[in-house]
Protein backbone atom coordinates (compact mmCIF):
# COMPACT_ATOMS: atom_id res chain seq x y z
CA MET A 1 -49.95 21.65 -8.32
CA LYS A 2 -52.66 19.04 -8.64
CA ASN A 3 -55.62 21.19 -7.64
CA ILE A 4 -56.60 23.81 -5.10
CA LYS A 5 -57.88 21.31 -2.55
CA TYR A 6 -54.59 19.41 -2.63
CA ILE A 7 -52.70 22.65 -1.99
CA LEU A 8 -54.91 23.44 1.00
CA ALA A 9 -54.51 19.90 2.31
CA LEU A 10 -50.73 20.29 2.10
CA ALA A 11 -51.00 23.61 3.92
CA ALA A 12 -52.97 21.95 6.71
CA VAL A 13 -50.33 19.22 7.03
CA LEU A 14 -47.61 21.85 7.33
CA PHE A 15 -49.60 23.51 10.10
CA VAL A 16 -50.38 20.54 12.27
CA ALA A 17 -47.28 18.37 11.88
CA ALA A 18 -44.81 18.68 14.74
CA GLN A 19 -41.84 20.60 13.41
CA THR A 20 -38.33 21.43 14.60
CA ARG A 21 -37.93 25.17 14.85
CA ALA A 22 -34.81 27.20 14.29
CA GLN A 23 -36.01 29.78 16.79
CA HIS A 24 -34.60 29.21 20.25
CA THR A 25 -36.78 28.70 23.33
CA ILE A 26 -37.16 32.20 24.74
CA SER A 27 -38.47 30.72 28.00
CA GLY A 28 -34.88 29.73 28.74
CA TYR A 29 -33.40 33.23 28.50
CA PHE A 30 -33.78 34.00 32.22
CA THR A 31 -33.49 30.38 33.43
CA ASP A 32 -30.41 29.78 35.56
CA GLY A 33 -28.35 26.86 34.26
CA TYR A 34 -29.90 26.77 30.76
CA MET A 35 -26.86 26.00 28.58
CA TYR A 36 -28.13 27.64 25.37
CA ARG A 37 -28.74 31.21 26.47
CA HIS A 38 -25.71 32.18 24.37
CA GLU A 39 -27.72 31.26 21.24
CA ILE A 40 -30.27 33.94 22.20
CA ASN A 41 -27.60 36.46 23.27
CA PRO A 42 -23.95 35.64 22.48
CA ALA A 43 -22.79 37.90 25.34
CA ILE A 44 -24.03 35.35 27.90
CA GLY A 45 -21.43 32.93 29.21
CA ASN A 46 -22.17 29.78 31.19
CA SER A 47 -20.69 29.20 34.63
CA GLN A 48 -19.47 25.76 33.49
CA ASN A 49 -17.92 24.12 30.46
CA TYR A 50 -20.25 21.72 28.63
CA ILE A 51 -20.59 19.37 25.70
CA SER A 52 -23.94 18.46 24.19
CA PHE A 53 -25.43 15.02 23.88
CA PRO A 54 -25.41 14.44 20.08
CA VAL A 55 -28.64 15.59 18.39
CA TYR A 56 -30.53 15.62 21.73
CA GLY A 57 -28.52 18.43 23.30
CA ASN A 58 -31.16 20.96 22.25
CA LEU A 59 -34.26 19.41 20.66
CA ASN A 60 -36.92 22.01 19.82
CA LEU A 61 -40.31 20.98 18.38
CA GLY A 62 -43.07 23.39 17.47
CA VAL A 63 -45.44 25.01 14.99
CA ARG A 64 -46.07 28.65 14.09
CA GLY A 65 -48.57 30.30 11.76
CA SER A 66 -51.50 32.68 11.44
CA LEU A 67 -54.03 29.95 10.57
CA ASN A 68 -55.24 27.25 12.92
CA LEU A 69 -56.47 23.73 12.26
CA GLU A 70 -59.74 24.68 13.95
CA ASP A 71 -60.32 27.11 11.06
CA TYR A 72 -60.45 24.08 8.73
CA ILE A 73 -62.24 21.53 10.92
CA TYR A 74 -65.91 21.70 11.92
CA VAL A 75 -68.38 19.48 13.77
CA LYS A 76 -71.68 19.13 11.89
CA ASN A 77 -74.49 16.79 12.98
CA GLY A 78 -72.14 15.21 15.52
CA LYS A 79 -69.48 14.39 12.90
CA THR A 80 -66.09 15.97 12.22
CA THR A 81 -65.78 17.42 8.73
CA THR A 82 -63.73 19.97 6.76
CA PHE A 83 -64.58 23.44 5.51
CA LEU A 84 -65.42 21.94 2.08
CA ASN A 85 -68.56 20.31 3.47
CA PRO A 86 -71.69 22.06 2.08
CA ALA A 87 -73.04 22.23 5.65
CA VAL A 88 -70.29 24.77 6.37
CA SER A 89 -71.31 28.08 4.80
CA ALA A 90 -68.81 30.22 2.90
CA GLY A 91 -69.45 33.07 5.33
CA GLU A 92 -68.78 30.88 8.35
CA PHE A 93 -65.47 29.61 6.95
CA LEU A 94 -64.12 32.71 5.20
CA GLY A 95 -64.93 34.95 8.16
CA ASN A 96 -61.98 33.32 9.99
CA ILE A 97 -59.51 33.74 7.11
CA LYS A 98 -57.26 36.80 6.80
CA ASP A 99 -56.42 38.49 3.49
CA LYS A 100 -52.85 37.15 3.81
CA ASN A 101 -52.06 33.99 5.77
CA ASN A 102 -48.59 32.66 6.52
CA LEU A 103 -47.17 29.24 7.34
CA HIS A 104 -43.77 28.71 8.97
CA PHE A 105 -41.57 25.65 9.03
CA ASP A 106 -38.13 26.07 10.59
CA ALA A 107 -35.72 23.25 11.39
CA ASN A 108 -32.50 23.40 13.38
CA ILE A 109 -30.87 20.00 13.67
CA GLN A 110 -28.01 20.38 16.12
CA ILE A 111 -25.17 18.08 15.19
CA MET A 112 -22.98 19.13 18.11
CA SER A 113 -22.39 21.99 20.54
CA ALA A 114 -19.82 22.78 23.21
CA GLY A 115 -18.79 25.64 25.49
CA PHE A 116 -15.65 26.26 27.56
CA LYS A 117 -13.85 28.99 29.49
CA GLY A 118 -10.64 30.38 28.04
CA PHE A 119 -8.97 33.24 26.17
CA GLY A 120 -10.22 35.69 28.77
CA GLY A 121 -13.88 34.79 28.43
CA TYR A 122 -16.32 32.06 27.43
CA ASN A 123 -16.19 30.25 24.07
CA THR A 124 -18.77 28.23 22.14
CA LEU A 125 -18.74 25.92 19.13
CA GLY A 126 -21.82 24.72 17.28
CA VAL A 127 -22.54 22.79 14.08
CA ASN A 128 -26.16 22.83 12.89
CA LEU A 129 -28.21 21.91 9.84
CA ARG A 130 -30.79 24.67 9.40
CA SER A 131 -33.79 24.70 7.09
CA SER A 132 -36.77 27.01 6.75
CA VAL A 133 -39.90 27.18 4.60
CA TYR A 134 -42.10 30.25 4.59
CA THR A 135 -45.39 30.24 2.65
CA MET A 136 -47.89 33.05 2.08
CA LEU A 137 -51.46 32.04 1.18
CA PRO A 138 -53.92 34.71 -0.03
CA LYS A 139 -57.58 34.61 0.96
CA GLY A 140 -58.56 34.28 -2.71
CA LEU A 141 -57.13 30.76 -2.72
CA PHE A 142 -59.55 29.69 0.01
CA GLN A 143 -62.44 31.52 -1.65
CA PHE A 144 -61.80 29.65 -4.90
CA ALA A 145 -61.84 26.29 -3.12
CA LYS A 146 -64.97 27.04 -1.06
CA GLU A 147 -67.17 29.15 -3.29
CA GLY A 148 -66.62 27.57 -6.71
CA LEU A 149 -68.91 29.20 -9.25
CA THR A 150 -70.83 31.14 -6.61
CA ASN A 151 -68.33 33.89 -7.35
CA LYS A 152 -67.03 33.97 -10.95
CA CYS A 153 -64.04 36.26 -10.33
CA TYR A 154 -61.10 35.39 -8.09
CA ASP A 155 -57.89 37.26 -7.36
CA ILE A 156 -55.23 34.82 -6.18
CA SER A 157 -52.31 37.25 -5.95
CA ASP A 158 -49.24 37.27 -3.68
CA PHE A 159 -49.16 33.49 -3.33
CA GLY A 160 -45.54 32.57 -2.60
CA MET A 161 -43.09 30.18 -1.00
CA HIS A 162 -39.48 30.66 0.14
CA ALA A 163 -37.27 27.74 1.19
CA ASN A 164 -33.72 27.79 2.50
CA SER A 165 -31.37 25.05 3.74
CA TYR A 166 -27.75 25.31 4.87
CA VAL A 167 -25.14 23.99 7.29
CA GLU A 168 -23.97 26.45 9.96
CA ILE A 169 -20.59 26.28 11.70
CA ALA A 170 -20.53 28.82 14.54
CA LEU A 171 -17.69 30.02 16.78
CA GLY A 172 -18.61 32.34 19.67
CA HIS A 173 -16.72 34.33 22.29
CA SER A 174 -17.94 36.57 25.13
CA ARG A 175 -16.08 38.54 27.78
CA ASN A 176 -16.42 41.27 30.38
CA ILE A 177 -15.43 44.75 29.28
CA ASN A 178 -15.74 46.02 32.85
CA GLU A 179 -17.73 45.15 35.96
CA ARG A 180 -20.99 46.24 34.34
CA LEU A 181 -20.68 45.53 30.61
CA ARG A 182 -20.24 42.18 28.88
CA VAL A 183 -20.23 41.68 25.11
CA GLY A 184 -20.21 38.69 22.79
CA VAL A 185 -20.02 37.73 19.14
CA ALA A 186 -20.54 34.53 17.16
CA LEU A 187 -19.07 34.16 13.68
CA LYS A 188 -20.81 31.72 11.35
CA TYR A 189 -19.62 30.07 8.18
CA LEU A 190 -22.57 28.90 6.08
CA VAL A 191 -22.55 26.08 3.53
CA GLY A 192 -25.52 26.38 1.18
CA VAL A 193 -27.58 23.27 0.42
CA ALA A 194 -30.68 24.64 -1.35
CA ASN A 195 -32.65 27.85 -1.87
CA ILE A 196 -35.98 28.25 -3.70
CA ASP A 197 -38.04 31.42 -4.12
CA ALA A 198 -41.43 30.90 -5.80
CA GLU A 199 -43.45 34.07 -6.30
CA PHE A 200 -46.90 33.75 -7.87
CA ASN A 201 -47.56 37.46 -8.02
CA LYS A 202 -50.83 37.40 -9.92
CA ALA A 203 -53.63 34.99 -10.85
CA GLN A 204 -56.83 36.79 -11.77
CA LEU A 205 -59.39 34.12 -12.70
CA ASN A 206 -62.73 34.56 -14.45
CA LEU A 207 -64.78 31.38 -14.42
CA GLY A 208 -67.71 30.64 -16.69
CA GLU A 209 -69.88 27.68 -17.53
CA ASP A 210 -68.25 27.45 -20.99
CA GLY A 211 -64.63 27.97 -19.91
CA TRP A 212 -62.35 30.27 -17.98
CA THR A 213 -59.73 32.97 -18.52
CA ALA A 214 -56.83 34.16 -16.41
CA VAL A 215 -54.08 36.78 -16.24
CA THR A 216 -51.00 35.44 -14.44
CA ASN A 217 -47.55 36.64 -13.40
CA ALA A 218 -45.00 34.43 -11.66
CA GLN A 219 -41.39 33.37 -11.37
CA VAL A 220 -39.48 30.59 -9.61
CA GLN A 221 -35.78 30.93 -8.72
CA ALA A 222 -34.04 27.75 -7.59
CA SER A 223 -30.46 27.31 -6.42
CA VAL A 224 -30.03 23.57 -5.94
CA LYS A 225 -27.04 21.59 -7.14
CA GLY A 226 -28.05 19.32 -10.03
CA LEU A 227 -31.60 20.70 -10.35
CA PHE A 228 -33.24 20.91 -13.77
CA TYR A 229 -36.77 21.73 -14.93
CA GLU A 230 -38.94 19.26 -16.79
CA THR A 231 -41.07 20.66 -19.61
CA GLU A 232 -43.90 19.72 -21.93
CA ILE A 233 -45.56 21.38 -24.91
CA SER A 234 -48.50 23.65 -24.14
CA GLU A 235 -51.72 22.83 -26.01
CA ASN A 236 -52.64 26.51 -25.80
CA SER A 237 -49.48 28.21 -27.11
CA GLY A 238 -47.57 25.34 -28.69
CA ASN A 239 -44.48 26.35 -26.66
CA PRO A 240 -42.68 24.31 -23.98
CA TYR A 241 -43.46 25.19 -20.35
CA VAL A 242 -42.21 23.97 -16.98
CA ASN A 243 -44.37 21.19 -15.53
CA GLY A 244 -41.96 19.82 -12.88
CA ALA A 245 -38.39 19.58 -11.63
CA ASP A 246 -35.86 16.87 -10.84
CA ILE A 247 -32.35 16.65 -9.35
CA ASP A 248 -29.41 14.92 -10.98
CA GLY A 249 -26.86 14.49 -8.20
CA PHE A 250 -26.41 16.51 -5.03
CA GLY A 251 -23.78 18.84 -3.60
CA ILE A 252 -22.85 22.23 -2.19
CA SER A 253 -24.85 25.03 -3.79
CA GLY A 254 -23.31 28.10 -2.16
CA ALA A 255 -21.46 29.63 0.79
CA GLY A 256 -21.82 32.63 3.03
CA PHE A 257 -21.19 34.28 6.38
CA ALA A 258 -23.28 35.56 9.28
CA VAL A 259 -22.68 37.11 12.68
CA ASP A 260 -24.51 37.20 16.01
CA LEU A 261 -23.91 40.27 18.18
CA GLY A 262 -24.86 40.68 21.83
CA ALA A 263 -24.36 42.76 24.95
CA GLU A 264 -25.35 42.62 28.63
CA TYR A 265 -25.29 45.59 31.01
CA LYS A 266 -25.61 45.27 34.79
CA LEU A 267 -26.95 48.56 36.15
CA ASP A 268 -26.81 47.54 39.83
CA ASP A 269 -27.44 44.49 42.03
CA ASN A 270 -31.06 44.34 40.88
CA TRP A 271 -31.26 45.49 37.24
CA LYS A 272 -29.71 43.77 34.20
CA PHE A 273 -30.32 44.58 30.50
CA GLY A 274 -29.52 42.65 27.34
CA ALA A 275 -29.65 43.12 23.56
CA SER A 276 -28.73 40.88 20.64
CA LEU A 277 -28.96 40.78 16.85
CA LEU A 278 -28.80 37.28 15.38
CA ASP A 279 -28.21 35.84 11.89
CA LEU A 280 -27.02 39.06 10.32
CA GLY A 281 -25.56 37.78 7.06
CA PHE A 282 -26.09 36.21 3.64
CA ILE A 283 -25.39 33.23 1.39
CA SER A 284 -24.03 33.59 -2.15
CA TRP A 285 -25.70 30.89 -4.22
CA ASP A 286 -23.72 29.48 -7.15
CA ASN A 287 -26.57 29.27 -9.64
CA ASN A 288 -30.08 30.57 -10.17
CA ILE A 289 -32.24 28.33 -12.34
CA LEU A 290 -35.11 30.59 -13.41
CA ALA A 291 -38.63 29.76 -14.57
CA THR A 292 -40.80 32.78 -15.42
CA THR A 293 -43.91 34.03 -17.20
CA ASN A 294 -41.86 37.05 -18.44
CA GLY A 295 -44.41 39.50 -17.09
CA ASP A 296 -48.19 39.20 -17.34
CA LYS A 297 -49.48 36.23 -19.31
CA LYS A 298 -53.04 35.74 -20.53
CA PHE A 299 -54.51 32.26 -20.45
CA SER A 300 -57.89 30.95 -21.62
CA THR A 301 -59.42 27.55 -22.17
CA ASN A 302 -62.78 25.95 -22.81
CA ASP A 303 -61.55 22.48 -21.83
CA TYR A 304 -63.37 22.83 -18.53
CA LYS A 305 -67.09 23.57 -18.44
CA PHE A 306 -68.30 24.42 -14.97
CA SER A 307 -71.91 23.84 -13.96
CA PHE A 308 -73.79 25.35 -11.04
CA GLU A 309 -75.76 22.12 -10.58
CA GLU A 310 -74.12 19.52 -8.31
CA ASP A 311 -75.81 16.62 -10.13
CA ASN A 312 -74.56 17.60 -13.59
CA GLU A 313 -71.61 15.85 -15.22
CA ASN A 314 -69.62 19.09 -15.26
CA ASN A 315 -70.33 20.17 -11.67
CA PHE A 316 -67.66 22.38 -10.10
CA GLU A 317 -66.12 19.74 -7.84
CA ASP A 318 -65.71 17.15 -10.61
CA GLU A 319 -64.30 19.68 -13.06
CA LEU A 320 -61.87 20.87 -10.41
CA GLU A 321 -60.52 17.32 -10.22
CA ARG A 322 -59.67 17.53 -13.94
CA LEU A 323 -57.72 20.76 -13.51
CA SER A 324 -54.42 19.03 -12.77
CA ASP A 325 -52.83 19.91 -16.10
CA GLY A 326 -54.79 23.13 -16.32
CA LEU A 327 -53.49 24.52 -13.06
CA THR A 328 -49.97 23.36 -13.81
CA GLY A 329 -50.19 25.18 -17.11
CA LEU A 330 -52.04 28.13 -15.65
CA TYR A 331 -48.79 30.07 -15.32
CA GLU A 332 -46.97 28.28 -18.17
CA LEU A 333 -43.55 29.22 -16.81
CA GLU A 334 -40.76 29.28 -19.39
CA ASN A 335 -37.40 27.72 -18.56
CA ALA A 336 -34.99 30.69 -18.64
CA GLY A 337 -31.97 28.59 -17.62
CA ASP A 338 -29.11 29.42 -15.27
CA GLN A 339 -28.95 33.14 -14.47
CA GLY A 340 -25.68 32.89 -12.52
CA LYS A 341 -24.87 33.74 -8.91
CA ARG A 342 -27.21 35.55 -6.52
CA LYS A 343 -27.00 36.65 -2.88
CA LYS A 344 -29.74 36.10 -0.33
CA ALA A 345 -29.87 37.62 3.15
CA LEU A 346 -30.83 35.48 6.15
CA GLY A 347 -33.82 36.37 8.30
CA ALA A 348 -32.40 38.36 11.25
CA THR A 349 -33.73 38.29 14.82
CA LEU A 350 -33.59 41.15 17.36
CA ASN A 351 -33.86 40.44 21.11
CA LEU A 352 -34.20 43.14 23.81
CA ALA A 353 -34.36 42.06 27.46
CA ALA A 354 -34.55 43.44 31.01
CA GLU A 355 -34.40 41.52 34.30
CA TYR A 356 -35.09 42.67 37.86
CA THR A 357 -33.83 40.57 40.80
CA MET A 358 -35.92 40.85 43.94
CA PRO A 359 -34.07 42.65 46.76
CA PHE A 360 -35.72 40.46 49.42
CA TYR A 361 -34.71 37.16 47.71
CA ASP A 362 -31.89 37.14 45.17
CA ARG A 363 -32.93 33.73 43.80
CA LEU A 364 -36.16 35.22 42.42
CA SER A 365 -36.41 37.60 39.44
CA VAL A 366 -38.83 38.99 36.88
CA GLY A 367 -37.80 39.31 33.23
CA LEU A 368 -39.23 40.90 30.09
CA ILE A 369 -37.94 40.09 26.60
CA ASN A 370 -39.05 41.27 23.17
CA THR A 371 -38.22 39.12 20.13
CA THR A 372 -38.67 40.41 16.57
CA ARG A 373 -37.98 38.25 13.50
CA PHE A 374 -37.36 39.93 10.14
CA LEU A 375 -38.30 37.64 7.26
CA GLU A 376 -38.15 38.39 3.55
CA ASP A 377 -41.82 39.36 3.19
CA TYR A 378 -43.01 39.35 6.77
CA THR A 379 -42.04 40.43 10.30
CA TRP A 380 -43.39 39.07 13.58
CA THR A 381 -42.81 40.17 17.17
CA ASP A 382 -43.38 38.73 20.63
CA PHE A 383 -43.28 40.24 24.17
CA ARG A 384 -42.72 37.73 27.00
CA LEU A 385 -42.93 38.40 30.75
CA SER A 386 -41.50 35.70 33.03
CA ALA A 387 -41.09 34.90 36.72
CA ASN A 388 -37.86 33.02 37.39
CA VAL A 389 -36.70 31.14 40.47
CA ALA A 390 -33.60 29.12 41.37
CA PRO A 391 -34.17 27.90 44.95
CA LEU A 392 -31.42 25.28 44.77
CA LYS A 393 -28.01 25.20 43.12
CA TRP A 394 -29.12 22.27 40.97
CA PHE A 395 -32.69 23.35 40.13
CA SER A 396 -34.24 26.37 38.39
CA ALA A 397 -37.58 27.12 36.74
CA ASN A 398 -39.75 29.84 35.26
CA VAL A 399 -43.28 30.50 34.07
CA ASN A 400 -44.10 33.17 31.50
CA VAL A 401 -46.85 34.79 29.46
CA ALA A 402 -46.46 36.25 25.97
CA ALA A 403 -48.39 38.45 23.57
CA GLY A 404 -47.57 39.44 20.01
CA THR A 405 -48.24 38.88 16.32
CA TYR A 406 -49.50 35.32 16.87
CA GLY A 407 -51.67 36.12 19.89
CA CYS A 408 -51.20 35.22 23.53
CA ALA A 409 -49.25 32.28 24.98
CA PHE A 410 -48.28 30.64 28.25
CA GLY A 411 -44.80 29.12 28.62
CA TRP A 412 -42.56 27.47 31.20
CA MET A 413 -39.18 25.79 31.71
CA LEU A 414 -37.62 23.43 34.26
CA ASN A 415 -33.86 22.88 34.49
CA ILE A 416 -32.19 20.19 36.56
CA HIS A 417 -28.43 20.66 36.68
CA PRO A 418 -26.57 18.70 39.38
CA THR A 419 -22.83 18.10 39.03
CA GLY A 420 -22.00 16.41 35.72
CA PHE A 421 -25.53 16.42 34.30
CA ASN A 422 -27.93 18.98 32.80
CA LEU A 423 -31.52 18.28 31.73
CA PHE A 424 -33.98 20.96 30.69
CA VAL A 425 -37.55 20.77 29.45
CA GLY A 426 -39.97 23.55 28.58
CA MET A 427 -42.48 25.15 26.23
CA ASP A 428 -42.78 28.65 24.80
CA GLN A 429 -46.45 27.92 24.16
CA MET A 430 -48.74 25.27 25.60
CA LEU A 431 -50.58 22.98 23.21
CA GLY A 432 -54.09 24.12 24.13
CA LYS A 433 -56.94 22.14 22.55
CA VAL A 434 -56.00 19.02 20.61
CA THR A 435 -57.81 16.49 18.43
CA GLU A 436 -58.33 12.84 19.38
CA GLU A 437 -55.07 12.13 17.54
CA PHE A 438 -53.33 14.72 19.82
CA VAL A 439 -52.88 17.19 16.95
CA PRO A 440 -52.98 20.81 18.23
CA LEU A 441 -55.93 22.86 16.93
CA SER A 442 -53.80 25.99 17.24
CA SER A 443 -50.95 26.51 14.76
CA ASN A 444 -48.71 27.73 17.60
CA ALA A 445 -47.21 25.23 20.02
CA SER A 446 -43.72 24.19 21.10
CA PHE A 447 -41.76 21.69 23.15
CA ASN A 448 -38.07 21.98 24.03
CA MET A 449 -35.77 19.56 25.83
CA GLY A 450 -32.09 18.74 25.98
CA VAL A 451 -29.45 16.68 27.74
CA ASN A 452 -25.94 18.07 28.17
CA ILE A 453 -22.80 17.18 30.10
CA PRO A 454 -21.28 20.07 32.11
CA PHE A 455 -17.76 19.82 33.49
């Protein structure tokens, strides 16, 4: 950590950069001809065999989070500025910030995918590189950056980051049990690349003009092949503490298994129901390189003398710039070495769906799907209502509205699938307002497209 403002700048970049999401486009669940419905519910089988166009078979770009860029950016006196500008009051800025704020980055790079009929049902094969980063930012972090010495006491607790990266090899099969019920399962072998859990549980700061004190509690667990911590001697305690990390070589860091389960039930000619549970599994990581404060640690220094006056040599902003080593040493994590193997569960996803086909026109239907994602420290949910139409054998589309943890959204999908070719394009959430550089002001937006070859 360099300083608080750099951390917040990094957080903003994570929000506004276009990202590839591991979550599948829910707008495609009720879209006729969408080849990847089996990734949302493994019980669904396509009417045709297919093979994906490498990498571009299912390209999904998007952002998700509880903070928006518009919470950071303001227009004052006709000019665009950030929340750190003195013209933006602390009350104006902090009134938009929740006590706990999360950032999501999920990436699913599809190496290849294929589906074919056989063995009494429909079969799928997929190879994907999946990565995810989940960060929790407490309100105290933003208060510290904005208020400075206006408030001398800050509680920056529950500041954490979890990162996971692995290769997934998935084999799926679905079949009819009877005329009404169809079930499916996908078995996944997981090859671990990297896992990091950083939990900064406590940072209670008391700032003064002659110095500052803190009580901290934190630990970092890293399972990355060849990783080692760099250390330096603390001027406060005289003991070595972790001030960085490096990697010597690269390789497989663990292995695991997961399963996707799904079912579809056709009540009659009009009603159909579906349910699925995805990514139910774990990875066993080979090593756990631990850095820890070993419980609560008290820290004090008079190296930094904060002044209330902006024109003074030791004004808050200038002193904050000198806190690079101070903030790195704020926790003074000790290198506890390799703690051996550890198991980590994946974040599971539950989907529940219902679809009603219109009796007066069987190419038109209405669908409702609820998606709930269970993360390590956080759960989000989304309800999506869609109108779906397939007027031609080679064309289908839908429009949908959603409401849930991250607010309301409008989505859509178009699918063109003549003989020998399949192209789909859609969004679970429209971009909404954007900056001049076409960066979305909302932290929630998505774009999904893919080219596949059916046969």
